[in-house]
C-alpha atoms as a PDB file:
ATOM      1  CA  MET A   1      97.262  99.421  96.344  1.00  0.00           C
ATOM      2  CA  LYS A   2      99.934  98.275  98.760  1.00  0.00           C
ATOM      3  CA  PRO A   3      98.916  98.616 102.436  1.00  0.00           C
ATOM      4  CA  ALA A   4     100.267 101.603 104.364  1.00  0.00           C
ATOM      5  CA  VAL A   5     102.573 100.694 107.254  1.00  0.00           C
ATOM      6  CA  LEU A   6     102.273 102.368 110.635  1.00  0.00           C
ATOM      7  CA  ALA A   7     104.433 102.045 113.750  1.00  0.00           C
ATOM      8  CA  VAL A   8     102.500 102.471 117.005  1.00  0.00           C
ATOM      9  CA  ARG A   9     103.649 102.565 120.618  1.00  0.00           C
ATOM     10  CA  LEU A  10     100.709 101.258 122.624  1.00  0.00           C
ATOM     11  CA  THR A  11     100.042 101.877 126.307  1.00  0.00           C
ATOM     12  CA  PRO A  12      97.512  99.341 127.605  1.00  0.00           C
ATOM     13  CA  ARG A  13      95.431 100.200 130.685  1.00  0.00           C
ATOM     14  CA  GLY A  14      95.900 103.848 129.710  1.00  0.00           C
ATOM     15  CA  GLY A  15      92.635 104.966 131.291  1.00  0.00           C
ATOM     16  CA  ARG A  16      90.925 105.767 127.986  1.00  0.00           C
ATOM     17  CA  ASP A  17      91.172 104.987 124.304  1.00  0.00           C
ATOM     18  CA  ALA A  18      93.043 107.819 122.599  1.00  0.00           C
ATOM     19  CA  ILE A  19      95.704 108.770 120.092  1.00  0.00           C
ATOM     20  CA  ASP A  20      98.338 110.913 121.824  1.00  0.00           C
ATOM     21  CA  GLY A  21     100.279 112.234 118.833  1.00  0.00           C
ATOM     22  CA  TRP A  22     103.612 111.443 117.222  1.00  0.00           C
ATOM     23  CA  ALA A  23     107.108 110.794 118.566  1.00  0.00           C
ATOM     24  CA  ALA A  24     110.376 109.411 117.194  1.00  0.00           C
ATOM     25  CA  ASP A  25     112.563 106.552 118.378  1.00  0.00           C
ATOM     26  CA  ALA A  26     116.316 106.831 119.029  1.00  0.00           C
ATOM     27  CA  ASP A  27     117.014 106.402 115.299  1.00  0.00           C
ATOM     28  CA  GLY A  28     114.577 109.150 114.321  1.00  0.00           C
ATOM     29  CA  ARG A  29     111.857 106.832 112.982  1.00  0.00           C
ATOM     30  CA  PRO A  30     108.369 108.222 113.675  1.00  0.00           C
ATOM     31  CA  TYR A  31     105.710 106.296 115.563  1.00  0.00           C
ATOM     32  CA  LEU A  32     102.191 107.068 116.695  1.00  0.00           C
ATOM     33  CA  LYS A  33     101.512 107.089 120.442  1.00  0.00           C
ATOM     34  CA  ALA A  34      98.226 105.486 121.457  1.00  0.00           C
ATOM     35  CA  ARG A  35      96.583 104.335 124.665  1.00  0.00           C
ATOM     36  CA  VAL A  36      93.707 101.974 125.326  1.00  0.00           C
ATOM     37  CA  SER A  37      91.828 101.144 128.503  1.00  0.00           C
ATOM     38  CA  ALA A  38      91.951  97.398 127.770  1.00  0.00           C
ATOM     39  CA  PRO A  39      94.521  95.236 129.583  1.00  0.00           C
ATOM     40  CA  PRO A  40      97.332  93.496 127.689  1.00  0.00           C
ATOM     41  CA  VAL A  41      95.684  90.086 128.159  1.00  0.00           C
ATOM     42  CA  GLU A  42      94.692  87.630 125.419  1.00  0.00           C
ATOM     43  CA  GLY A  43      94.985  90.254 122.678  1.00  0.00           C
ATOM     44  CA  GLU A  44      92.443  92.644 124.236  1.00  0.00           C
ATOM     45  CA  ALA A  45      94.726  95.689 123.984  1.00  0.00           C
ATOM     46  CA  ASN A  46      95.586  94.908 120.347  1.00  0.00           C
ATOM     47  CA  ALA A  47      91.892  94.499 119.492  1.00  0.00           C
ATOM     48  CA  ALA A  48      91.131  97.841 121.160  1.00  0.00           C
ATOM     49  CA  LEU A  49      93.957  99.486 119.177  1.00  0.00           C
ATOM     50  CA  VAL A  50      92.642  98.074 115.898  1.00  0.00           C
ATOM     51  CA  ALA A  51      89.127  99.328 116.740  1.00  0.00           C
ATOM     52  CA  LEU A  52      90.444 102.773 117.729  1.00  0.00           C
ATOM     53  CA  LEU A  53      92.462 103.232 114.536  1.00  0.00           C
ATOM     54  CA  ALA A  54      89.728 101.831 112.276  1.00  0.00           C
ATOM     55  CA  LYS A  55      87.213 104.277 113.739  1.00  0.00           C
ATOM     56  CA  ARG A  56      89.618 107.240 113.496  1.00  0.00           C
ATOM     57  CA  LEU A  57      90.491 106.390 109.884  1.00  0.00           C
ATOM     58  CA  GLY A  58      86.922 105.584 108.805  1.00  0.00           C
ATOM     59  CA  LEU A  59      87.775 101.998 107.888  1.00  0.00           C
ATOM     60  CA  SER A  60      86.500  98.574 108.858  1.00  0.00           C
ATOM     61  CA  ARG A  61      88.406  96.707 111.549  1.00  0.00           C
ATOM     62  CA  SER A  62      89.458  94.112 108.981  1.00  0.00           C
ATOM     63  CA  ALA A  63      91.421  96.818 107.112  1.00  0.00           C
ATOM     64  CA  VAL A  64      93.760  97.298 110.116  1.00  0.00           C
ATOM     65  CA  ARG A  65      96.145  94.465 111.074  1.00  0.00           C
ATOM     66  CA  VAL A  66      98.899  94.103 113.661  1.00  0.00           C
ATOM     67  CA  THR A  67     101.694  92.497 111.620  1.00  0.00           C
ATOM     68  CA  SER A  68     104.460  92.476 114.234  1.00  0.00           C
ATOM     69  CA  GLY A  69     104.948  93.278 117.890  1.00  0.00           C
ATOM     70  CA  ALA A  70     101.733  91.636 119.089  1.00  0.00           C
ATOM     71  CA  THR A  71     103.183  91.223 122.592  1.00  0.00           C
ATOM     72  CA  ALA A  72     105.434  94.303 122.567  1.00  0.00           C
ATOM     73  CA  ARG A  73     104.605  97.954 123.182  1.00  0.00           C
ATOM     74  CA  LEU A  74     105.961  98.981 119.777  1.00  0.00           C
ATOM     75  CA  LYS A  75     103.830  97.454 117.047  1.00  0.00           C
ATOM     76  CA  ARG A  76     103.802  97.491 113.285  1.00  0.00           C
ATOM     77  CA  LEU A  77     100.419  97.713 111.606  1.00  0.00           C
ATOM     78  CA  GLU A  78      99.286  97.477 108.009  1.00  0.00           C
ATOM     79  CA  ILE A  79      96.352  99.613 106.903  1.00  0.00           C
ATOM     80  CA  GLU A  80      94.489  98.577 103.739  1.00  0.00           C
ATOM     81  CA  GLY A  81      92.813 101.162 101.539  1.00  0.00           C
ATOM     82  CA  LEU A  82      94.882 104.245 102.442  1.00  0.00           C
ATOM     83  CA  SER A  83      98.084 105.674 101.048  1.00  0.00           C
ATOM     84  CA  PRO A  84     100.856 106.726 103.454  1.00  0.00           C
ATOM     85  CA  GLU A  85      99.962 110.357 102.659  1.00  0.00           C
ATOM     86  CA  ASP A  86      96.295 109.767 103.587  1.00  0.00           C
ATOM     87  CA  LEU A  87      97.408 108.105 106.800  1.00  0.00           C
ATOM     88  CA  ASP A  88      99.632 111.042 107.760  1.00  0.00           C
ATOM     89  CA  ARG A  89      96.856 113.544 107.004  1.00  0.00           C
ATOM     90  CA  LEU A  90      94.178 111.643 108.951  1.00  0.00           C
ATOM     91  CA  LEU A  91      96.441 111.099 111.969  1.00  0.00           C
ATOM     92  CA  GLY A  92      97.748 114.657 112.081  1.00  0.00           C
ATOM     93  CA  ARG A  93     101.363 114.170 111.080  1.00  0.00           C
ATOM     94  CA  SER A  94     102.712 117.046 109.044  1.00  0.00           C
END
């Protein structure tokens, strides 16, 4: 199975680790809004995001990878073991 792709806008130092729902960029492409308490230093915020999503999706951390945007707020992630439909259902996108 091909990995599902997920766009995430991450807010580091967000006070808590949480998923804040869905939004769309200027071109109408959907992305998931997430926040983590970790600072954006030495990959800590990305690691916290991977842990947050893996826990929410019931997967191991190794199944969730940041594939682009490692130093940007908008990131692209690949999720192994889930279809795009499963991802939408588990993350509350209708």
